[in-house]
Amino acid sequence: MSREQTEKDTEHAVDDRGTDQQRGHEILKKLRDQGFDASDEKFAVALGRPVEEVQAWMDGSEPVDDDVVMKARGIAKMRGVEIE
């Protein structure tokens, strides 16, 4: 991989693990579905985010950020939900 490609990938990464937007959305959807009965409302409460924001992540219209991906990983670990 070229240096330019590496820098580009890092620039678009959601977190320090190199998670991209697509994978970030997949992580959130999997946790919502498996850990919160596929409920946007329950998931929003657990994340401390508005339900509208969760719905936007689920339909892919809003990008995810590093904070929510880190929270999702922590919640998944606490609940014993395999998301990765």
PDB file of N, CA and C in Angstrom:
ATOM      1  N   MET A   1       0.848  -1.178   0.000  1.00  0.00           N
ATOM      2  CA  MET A   1       0.000   0.000   0.000  1.00  0.00           C
ATOM      3  C   MET A   1       0.893   1.241   0.000  1.00  0.00           C
ATOM      4  N   SER A   2       0.517   2.202  -0.790  1.00  0.00           N
ATOM      5  CA  SER A   2       1.313   3.415  -0.893  1.00  0.00           C
ATOM      6  C   SER A   2       1.111   4.307   0.326  1.00  0.00           C
ATOM      7  N   ARG A   3       2.036   5.210   0.508  1.00  0.00           N
ATOM      8  CA  ARG A   3       1.944   6.154   1.623  1.00  0.00           C
ATOM      9  C   ARG A   3       0.694   7.021   1.482  1.00  0.00           C
ATOM     10  N   GLU A   4       0.401   7.443   0.246  1.00  0.00           N
ATOM     11  CA  GLU A   4      -0.791   8.269   0.005  1.00  0.00           C
ATOM     12  C   GLU A   4      -2.059   7.522   0.388  1.00  0.00           C
ATOM     13  N   GLN A   5      -2.146   6.239   0.022  1.00  0.00           N
ATOM     14  CA  GLN A   5      -3.326   5.442   0.346  1.00  0.00           C
ATOM     15  C   GLN A   5      -3.447   5.269   1.860  1.00  0.00           C
ATOM     16  N   THR A   6      -2.340   5.032   2.538  1.00  0.00           N
ATOM     17  CA  THR A   6      -2.346   4.885   3.987  1.00  0.00           C
ATOM     18  C   THR A   6      -2.841   6.165   4.644  1.00  0.00           C
ATOM     19  N   GLU A   7      -2.355   7.310   4.199  1.00  0.00           N
ATOM     20  CA  GLU A   7      -2.795   8.589   4.759  1.00  0.00           C
ATOM     21  C   GLU A   7      -4.272   8.825   4.480  1.00  0.00           C
ATOM     22  N   LYS A   8      -4.725   8.466   3.289  1.00  0.00           N
ATOM     23  CA  LYS A   8      -6.133   8.633   2.930  1.00  0.00           C
ATOM     24  C   LYS A   8      -7.012   7.751   3.815  1.00  0.00           C
ATOM     25  N   ASP A   9      -6.607   6.502   4.017  1.00  0.00           N
ATOM     26  CA  ASP A   9      -7.369   5.587   4.862  1.00  0.00           C
ATOM     27  C   ASP A   9      -7.442   6.100   6.293  1.00  0.00           C
ATOM     28  N   THR A  10      -6.341   6.606   6.817  1.00  0.00           N
ATOM     29  CA  THR A  10      -6.304   7.138   8.168  1.00  0.00           C
ATOM     30  C   THR A  10      -7.196   8.368   8.288  1.00  0.00           C
ATOM     31  N   GLU A  11      -7.206   9.183   7.269  1.00  0.00           N
ATOM     32  CA  GLU A  11      -8.002  10.397   7.249  1.00  0.00           C
ATOM     33  C   GLU A  11      -9.497  10.086   7.354  1.00  0.00           C
ATOM     34  N   HIS A  12      -9.936   8.976   6.766  1.00  0.00           N
ATOM     35  CA  HIS A  12     -11.344   8.608   6.744  1.00  0.00           C
ATOM     36  C   HIS A  12     -11.706   7.601   7.827  1.00  0.00           C
ATOM     37  N   ALA A  13     -10.757   7.224   8.650  1.00  0.00           N
ATOM     38  CA  ALA A  13     -11.013   6.261   9.711  1.00  0.00           C
ATOM     39  C   ALA A  13     -11.846   6.911  10.810  1.00  0.00           C
ATOM     40  N   VAL A  14     -12.719   6.116  11.386  1.00  0.00           N
ATOM     41  CA  VAL A  14     -13.572   6.586  12.474  1.00  0.00           C
ATOM     42  C   VAL A  14     -12.809   6.581  13.789  1.00  0.00           C
ATOM     43  N   ASP A  15     -11.881   5.639  13.951  1.00  0.00           N
ATOM     44  CA  ASP A  15     -11.160   5.532  15.215  1.00  0.00           C
ATOM     45  C   ASP A  15      -9.714   5.106  14.987  1.00  0.00           C
ATOM     46  N   ASP A  16      -9.000   4.917  16.078  1.00  0.00           N
ATOM     47  CA  ASP A  16      -7.583   4.572  15.982  1.00  0.00           C
ATOM     48  C   ASP A  16      -7.347   3.130  15.541  1.00  0.00           C
ATOM     49  N   ARG A  17      -8.392   2.341  15.438  1.00  0.00           N
ATOM     50  CA  ARG A  17      -8.280   0.967  14.932  1.00  0.00           C
ATOM     51  C   ARG A  17      -8.429   0.916  13.421  1.00  0.00           C
ATOM     52  N   GLY A  18      -8.697   2.070  12.806  1.00  0.00           N
ATOM     53  CA  GLY A  18      -8.856   2.120  11.363  1.00  0.00           C
ATOM     54  C   GLY A  18     -10.254   1.772  10.883  1.00  0.00           C
ATOM     55  N   THR A  19     -11.205   1.776  11.796  1.00  0.00           N
ATOM     56  CA  THR A  19     -12.588   1.473  11.446  1.00  0.00           C
ATOM     57  C   THR A  19     -13.122   2.536  10.491  1.00  0.00           C
ATOM     58  N   ASP A  20     -13.639   2.100   9.343  1.00  0.00           N
ATOM     59  CA  ASP A  20     -14.201   3.060   8.389  1.00  0.00           C
ATOM     60  C   ASP A  20     -15.694   3.262   8.675  1.00  0.00           C
ATOM     61  N   GLN A  21     -16.296   4.169   7.941  1.00  0.00           N
ATOM     62  CA  GLN A  21     -17.709   4.483   8.156  1.00  0.00           C
ATOM     63  C   GLN A  21     -18.604   3.254   7.985  1.00  0.00           C
ATOM     64  N   GLN A  22     -18.360   2.493   6.937  1.00  0.00           N
ATOM     65  CA  GLN A  22     -19.193   1.319   6.696  1.00  0.00           C
ATOM     66  C   GLN A  22     -19.128   0.355   7.875  1.00  0.00           C
ATOM     67  N   ARG A  23     -17.927   0.071   8.339  1.00  0.00           N
ATOM     68  CA  ARG A  23     -17.755  -0.854   9.467  1.00  0.00           C
ATOM     69  C   ARG A  23     -18.340  -0.250  10.735  1.00  0.00           C
ATOM     70  N   GLY A  24     -18.203   1.053  10.922  1.00  0.00           N
ATOM     71  CA  GLY A  24     -18.796   1.714  12.079  1.00  0.00           C
ATOM     72  C   GLY A  24     -20.304   1.552  12.105  1.00  0.00           C
ATOM     73  N   HIS A  25     -20.935   1.748  10.948  1.00  0.00           N
ATOM     74  CA  HIS A  25     -22.384   1.559  10.848  1.00  0.00           C
ATOM     75  C   HIS A  25     -22.768   0.107  11.132  1.00  0.00           C
ATOM     76  N   GLU A  26     -21.969  -0.827  10.630  1.00  0.00           N
ATOM     77  CA  GLU A  26     -22.247  -2.250  10.850  1.00  0.00           C
ATOM     78  C   GLU A  26     -22.166  -2.599  12.339  1.00  0.00           C
ATOM     79  N   ILE A  27     -21.161  -2.072  13.019  1.00  0.00           N
ATOM     80  CA  ILE A  27     -20.997  -2.316  14.461  1.00  0.00           C
ATOM     81  C   ILE A  27     -22.216  -1.814  15.220  1.00  0.00           C
ATOM     82  N   LEU A  28     -22.642  -0.582  14.923  1.00  0.00           N
ATOM     83  CA  LEU A  28     -23.784  -0.011  15.621  1.00  0.00           C
ATOM     84  C   LEU A  28     -25.059  -0.804  15.350  1.00  0.00           C
ATOM     85  N   LYS A  29     -25.278  -1.168  14.107  1.00  0.00           N
ATOM     86  CA  LYS A  29     -26.489  -1.914  13.755  1.00  0.00           C
ATOM     87  C   LYS A  29     -26.509  -3.275  14.433  1.00  0.00           C
ATOM     88  N   LYS A  30     -25.384  -3.954  14.431  1.00  0.00           N
ATOM     89  CA  LYS A  30     -25.310  -5.276  15.051  1.00  0.00           C
ATOM     90  C   LYS A  30     -25.591  -5.183  16.556  1.00  0.00           C
ATOM     91  N   LEU A  31     -25.002  -4.187  17.225  1.00  0.00           N
ATOM     92  CA  LEU A  31     -25.234  -4.025  18.654  1.00  0.00           C
ATOM     93  C   LEU A  31     -26.693  -3.668  18.927  1.00  0.00           C
ATOM     94  N   ARG A  32     -27.250  -2.752  18.141  1.00  0.00           N
ATOM     95  CA  ARG A  32     -28.664  -2.392  18.324  1.00  0.00           C
ATOM     96  C   ARG A  32     -29.558  -3.617  18.167  1.00  0.00           C
ATOM     97  N   ASP A  33     -29.322  -4.372  17.104  1.00  0.00           N
ATOM     98  CA  ASP A  33     -30.166  -5.528  16.814  1.00  0.00           C
ATOM     99  C   ASP A  33     -30.031  -6.631  17.859  1.00  0.00           C
ATOM    100  N   GLN A  34     -28.807  -6.935  18.260  1.00  0.00           N
ATOM    101  CA  GLN A  34     -28.573  -8.053  19.175  1.00  0.00           C
ATOM    102  C   GLN A  34     -28.681  -7.673  20.649  1.00  0.00           C
ATOM    103  N   GLY A  35     -28.334  -6.453  20.975  1.00  0.00           N
ATOM    104  CA  GLY A  35     -28.306  -6.066  22.384  1.00  0.00           C
ATOM    105  C   GLY A  35     -29.486  -5.241  22.854  1.00  0.00           C
ATOM    106  N   PHE A  36     -30.250  -4.696  21.906  1.00  0.00           N
ATOM    107  CA  PHE A  36     -31.347  -3.796  22.271  1.00  0.00           C
ATOM    108  C   PHE A  36     -32.632  -4.107  21.510  1.00  0.00           C
ATOM    109  N   ASP A  37     -32.821  -5.392  21.179  1.00  0.00           N
ATOM    110  CA  ASP A  37     -34.049  -5.844  20.514  1.00  0.00           C
ATOM    111  C   ASP A  37     -34.364  -5.039  19.253  1.00  0.00           C
ATOM    112  N   ALA A  38     -33.348  -4.597  18.545  1.00  0.00           N
ATOM    113  CA  ALA A  38     -33.493  -3.803  17.313  1.00  0.00           C
ATOM    114  C   ALA A  38     -34.266  -2.509  17.545  1.00  0.00           C
ATOM    115  N   SER A  39     -34.210  -1.996  18.775  1.00  0.00           N
ATOM    116  CA  SER A  39     -34.941  -0.777  19.132  1.00  0.00           C
ATOM    117  C   SER A  39     -34.019   0.447  19.085  1.00  0.00           C
ATOM    118  N   ASP A  40     -34.342   1.371  18.183  1.00  0.00           N
ATOM    119  CA  ASP A  40     -33.581   2.617  18.119  1.00  0.00           C
ATOM    120  C   ASP A  40     -33.696   3.387  19.428  1.00  0.00           C
ATOM    121  N   GLU A  41     -34.871   3.355  20.035  1.00  0.00           N
ATOM    122  CA  GLU A  41     -35.117   4.109  21.265  1.00  0.00           C
ATOM    123  C   GLU A  41     -34.261   3.586  22.417  1.00  0.00           C
ATOM    124  N   LYS A  42     -34.245   2.270  22.624  1.00  0.00           N
ATOM    125  CA  LYS A  42     -33.438   1.680  23.701  1.00  0.00           C
ATOM    126  C   LYS A  42     -31.952   1.942  23.469  1.00  0.00           C
ATOM    127  N   PHE A  43     -31.534   1.814  22.227  1.00  0.00           N
ATOM    128  CA  PHE A  43     -30.137   2.016  21.886  1.00  0.00           C
ATOM    129  C   PHE A  43     -29.738   3.467  22.104  1.00  0.00           C
ATOM    130  N   ALA A  44     -30.608   4.393  21.745  1.00  0.00           N
ATOM    131  CA  ALA A  44     -30.335   5.822  21.937  1.00  0.00           C
ATOM    132  C   ALA A  44     -30.132   6.142  23.410  1.00  0.00           C
ATOM    133  N   VAL A  45     -30.977   5.566  24.267  1.00  0.00           N
ATOM    134  CA  VAL A  45     -30.848   5.803  25.712  1.00  0.00           C
ATOM    135  C   VAL A  45     -29.499   5.289  26.214  1.00  0.00           C
ATOM    136  N   ALA A  46     -29.129   4.082  25.792  1.00  0.00           N
ATOM    137  CA  ALA A  46     -27.861   3.490  26.234  1.00  0.00           C
ATOM    138  C   ALA A  46     -26.659   4.313  25.787  1.00  0.00           C
ATOM    139  N   LEU A  47     -26.750   4.897  24.595  1.00  0.00           N
ATOM    140  CA  LEU A  47     -25.639   5.695  24.068  1.00  0.00           C
ATOM    141  C   LEU A  47     -25.663   7.142  24.542  1.00  0.00           C
ATOM    142  N   GLY A  48     -26.796   7.574  25.084  1.00  0.00           N
ATOM    143  CA  GLY A  48     -26.926   8.969  25.491  1.00  0.00           C
ATOM    144  C   GLY A  48     -27.023   9.903  24.306  1.00  0.00           C
ATOM    145  N   ARG A  49     -27.633   9.425  23.236  1.00  0.00           N
ATOM    146  CA  ARG A  49     -27.792  10.206  22.006  1.00  0.00           C
ATOM    147  C   ARG A  49     -29.269  10.288  21.645  1.00  0.00           C
ATOM    148  N   PRO A  50     -29.658  11.309  20.886  1.00  0.00           N
ATOM    149  CA  PRO A  50     -31.057  11.423  20.454  1.00  0.00           C
ATOM    150  C   PRO A  50     -31.441  10.268  19.526  1.00  0.00           C
ATOM    151  N   VAL A  51     -32.681   9.826  19.632  1.00  0.00           N
ATOM    152  CA  VAL A  51     -33.157   8.732  18.797  1.00  0.00           C
ATOM    153  C   VAL A  51     -33.051   9.077  17.311  1.00  0.00           C
ATOM    154  N   GLU A  52     -33.220  10.339  16.969  1.00  0.00           N
ATOM    155  CA  GLU A  52     -33.103  10.758  15.570  1.00  0.00           C
ATOM    156  C   GLU A  52     -31.697  10.519  15.028  1.00  0.00           C
ATOM    157  N   GLU A  53     -30.711  10.711  15.883  1.00  0.00           N
ATOM    158  CA  GLU A  53     -29.328  10.472  15.472  1.00  0.00           C
ATOM    159  C   GLU A  53     -29.096   8.975  15.239  1.00  0.00           C
ATOM    160  N   VAL A  54     -29.610   8.151  16.131  1.00  0.00           N
ATOM    161  CA  VAL A  54     -29.488   6.699  15.973  1.00  0.00           C
ATOM    162  C   VAL A  54     -30.180   6.257  14.681  1.00  0.00           C
ATOM    163  N   GLN A  55     -31.364   6.773  14.423  1.00  0.00           N
ATOM    164  CA  GLN A  55     -32.087   6.420  13.203  1.00  0.00           C
ATOM    165  C   GLN A  55     -31.294   6.827  11.960  1.00  0.00           C
ATOM    166  N   ALA A  56     -30.650   7.966  12.011  1.00  0.00           N
ATOM    167  CA  ALA A  56     -29.843   8.431  10.879  1.00  0.00           C
ATOM    168  C   ALA A  56     -28.636   7.519  10.665  1.00  0.00           C
ATOM    169  N   TRP A  57     -28.045   7.015  11.736  1.00  0.00           N
ATOM    170  CA  TRP A  57     -26.939   6.061  11.590  1.00  0.00           C
ATOM    171  C   TRP A  57     -27.445   4.772  10.966  1.00  0.00           C
ATOM    172  N   MET A  58     -28.603   4.328  11.420  1.00  0.00           N
ATOM    173  CA  MET A  58     -29.135   3.060  10.941  1.00  0.00           C
ATOM    174  C   MET A  58     -29.482   3.097   9.458  1.00  0.00           C
ATOM    175  N   ASP A  59     -29.936   4.242   8.969  1.00  0.00           N
ATOM    176  CA  ASP A  59     -30.255   4.327   7.539  1.00  0.00           C
ATOM    177  C   ASP A  59     -29.059   4.821   6.713  1.00  0.00           C
ATOM    178  N   GLY A  60     -27.937   5.092   7.401  1.00  0.00           N
ATOM    179  CA  GLY A  60     -26.711   5.472   6.710  1.00  0.00           C
ATOM    180  C   GLY A  60     -26.654   6.916   6.248  1.00  0.00           C
ATOM    181  N   SER A  61     -27.612   7.734   6.688  1.00  0.00           N
ATOM    182  CA  SER A  61     -27.628   9.124   6.224  1.00  0.00           C
ATOM    183  C   SER A  61     -26.710  10.047   7.024  1.00  0.00           C
ATOM    184  N   GLU A  62     -26.240   9.590   8.185  1.00  0.00           N
ATOM    185  CA  GLU A  62     -25.319  10.372   9.011  1.00  0.00           C
ATOM    186  C   GLU A  62     -24.065   9.552   9.301  1.00  0.00           C
ATOM    187  N   PRO A  63     -22.910  10.189   9.293  1.00  0.00           N
ATOM    188  CA  PRO A  63     -21.676   9.464   9.630  1.00  0.00           C
ATOM    189  C   PRO A  63     -21.600   9.187  11.127  1.00  0.00           C
ATOM    190  N   VAL A  64     -20.905   8.118  11.470  1.00  0.00           N
ATOM    191  CA  VAL A  64     -20.662   7.809  12.877  1.00  0.00           C
ATOM    192  C   VAL A  64     -19.369   8.489  13.298  1.00  0.00           C
ATOM    193  N   ASP A  65     -19.227   8.712  14.607  1.00  0.00           N
ATOM    194  CA  ASP A  65     -17.998   9.329  15.102  1.00  0.00           C
ATOM    195  C   ASP A  65     -17.278   8.368  16.043  1.00  0.00           C
ATOM    196  N   ASP A  66     -16.036   8.703  16.365  1.00  0.00           N
ATOM    197  CA  ASP A  66     -15.224   7.818  17.193  1.00  0.00           C
ATOM    198  C   ASP A  66     -15.825   7.597  18.568  1.00  0.00           C
ATOM    199  N   ASP A  67     -16.462   8.607  19.138  1.00  0.00           N
ATOM    200  CA  ASP A  67     -17.039   8.484  20.469  1.00  0.00           C
ATOM    201  C   ASP A  67     -18.116   7.400  20.502  1.00  0.00           C
ATOM    202  N   VAL A  68     -19.004   7.403  19.537  1.00  0.00           N
ATOM    203  CA  VAL A  68     -20.100   6.432  19.544  1.00  0.00           C
ATOM    204  C   VAL A  68     -19.594   5.019  19.257  1.00  0.00           C
ATOM    205  N   VAL A  69     -18.581   4.881  18.422  1.00  0.00           N
ATOM    206  CA  VAL A  69     -18.026   3.557  18.140  1.00  0.00           C
ATOM    207  C   VAL A  69     -17.342   3.016  19.394  1.00  0.00           C
ATOM    208  N   MET A  70     -16.598   3.853  20.110  1.00  0.00           N
ATOM    209  CA  MET A  70     -15.960   3.421  21.358  1.00  0.00           C
ATOM    210  C   MET A  70     -17.005   3.040  22.400  1.00  0.00           C
ATOM    211  N   LYS A  71     -18.066   3.840  22.516  1.00  0.00           N
ATOM    212  CA  LYS A  71     -19.147   3.513  23.460  1.00  0.00           C
ATOM    213  C   LYS A  71     -19.801   2.189  23.092  1.00  0.00           C
ATOM    214  N   ALA A  72     -20.040   1.994  21.805  1.00  0.00           N
ATOM    215  CA  ALA A  72     -20.671   0.762  21.347  1.00  0.00           C
ATOM    216  C   ALA A  72     -19.815  -0.448  21.702  1.00  0.00           C
ATOM    217  N   ARG A  73     -18.518  -0.337  21.507  1.00  0.00           N
ATOM    218  CA  ARG A  73     -17.627  -1.455  21.853  1.00  0.00           C
ATOM    219  C   ARG A  73     -17.672  -1.746  23.354  1.00  0.00           C
ATOM    220  N   GLY A  74     -17.688  -0.701  24.160  1.00  0.00           N
ATOM    221  CA  GLY A  74     -17.755  -0.884  25.607  1.00  0.00           C
ATOM    222  C   GLY A  74     -19.069  -1.507  26.045  1.00  0.00           C
ATOM    223  N   ILE A  75     -20.169  -1.044  25.488  1.00  0.00           N
ATOM    224  CA  ILE A  75     -21.481  -1.590  25.821  1.00  0.00           C
ATOM    225  C   ILE A  75     -21.567  -3.055  25.384  1.00  0.00           C
ATOM    226  N   ALA A  76     -21.070  -3.344  24.201  1.00  0.00           N
ATOM    227  CA  ALA A  76     -21.098  -4.723  23.704  1.00  0.00           C
ATOM    228  C   ALA A  76     -20.317  -5.646  24.635  1.00  0.00           C
ATOM    229  N   LYS A  77     -19.170  -5.188  25.087  1.00  0.00           N
ATOM    230  CA  LYS A  77     -18.346  -5.994  25.995  1.00  0.00           C
ATOM    231  C   LYS A  77     -19.088  -6.236  27.310  1.00  0.00           C
ATOM    232  N   MET A  78     -19.698  -5.186  27.856  1.00  0.00           N
ATOM    233  CA  MET A  78     -20.428  -5.307  29.114  1.00  0.00           C
ATOM    234  C   MET A  78     -21.627  -6.247  28.993  1.00  0.00           C
ATOM    235  N   ARG A  79     -22.288  -6.234  27.845  1.00  0.00           N
ATOM    236  CA  ARG A  79     -23.487  -7.049  27.629  1.00  0.00           C
ATOM    237  C   ARG A  79     -23.171  -8.422  27.033  1.00  0.00           C
ATOM    238  N   GLY A  80     -21.911  -8.653  26.705  1.00  0.00           N
ATOM    239  CA  GLY A  80     -21.539  -9.938  26.139  1.00  0.00           C
ATOM    240  C   GLY A  80     -22.041 -10.148  24.714  1.00  0.00           C
ATOM    241  N   VAL A  81     -22.133  -9.036  23.951  1.00  0.00           N
ATOM    242  CA  VAL A  81     -22.582  -9.118  22.570  1.00  0.00           C
ATOM    243  C   VAL A  81     -21.366  -9.052  21.657  1.00  0.00           C
ATOM    244  N   GLU A  82     -21.238 -10.035  20.788  1.00  0.00           N
ATOM    245  CA  GLU A  82     -20.116 -10.097  19.840  1.00  0.00           C
ATOM    246  C   GLU A  82     -20.445  -9.217  18.627  1.00  0.00           C
ATOM    247  N   ILE A  83     -19.708  -8.117  18.460  1.00  0.00           N
ATOM    248  CA  ILE A  83     -19.975  -7.202  17.348  1.00  0.00           C
ATOM    249  C   ILE A  83     -18.856  -7.156  16.332  1.00  0.00           C
ATOM    250  N   GLU A  84     -17.725  -7.795  16.639  1.00  0.00           N
ATOM    251  CA  GLU A  84     -16.600  -7.769  15.692  1.00  0.00           C
ATOM    252  C   GLU A  84     -16.063  -9.154  15.460  1.00  0.00           C
TER     253      GLU A  84
END
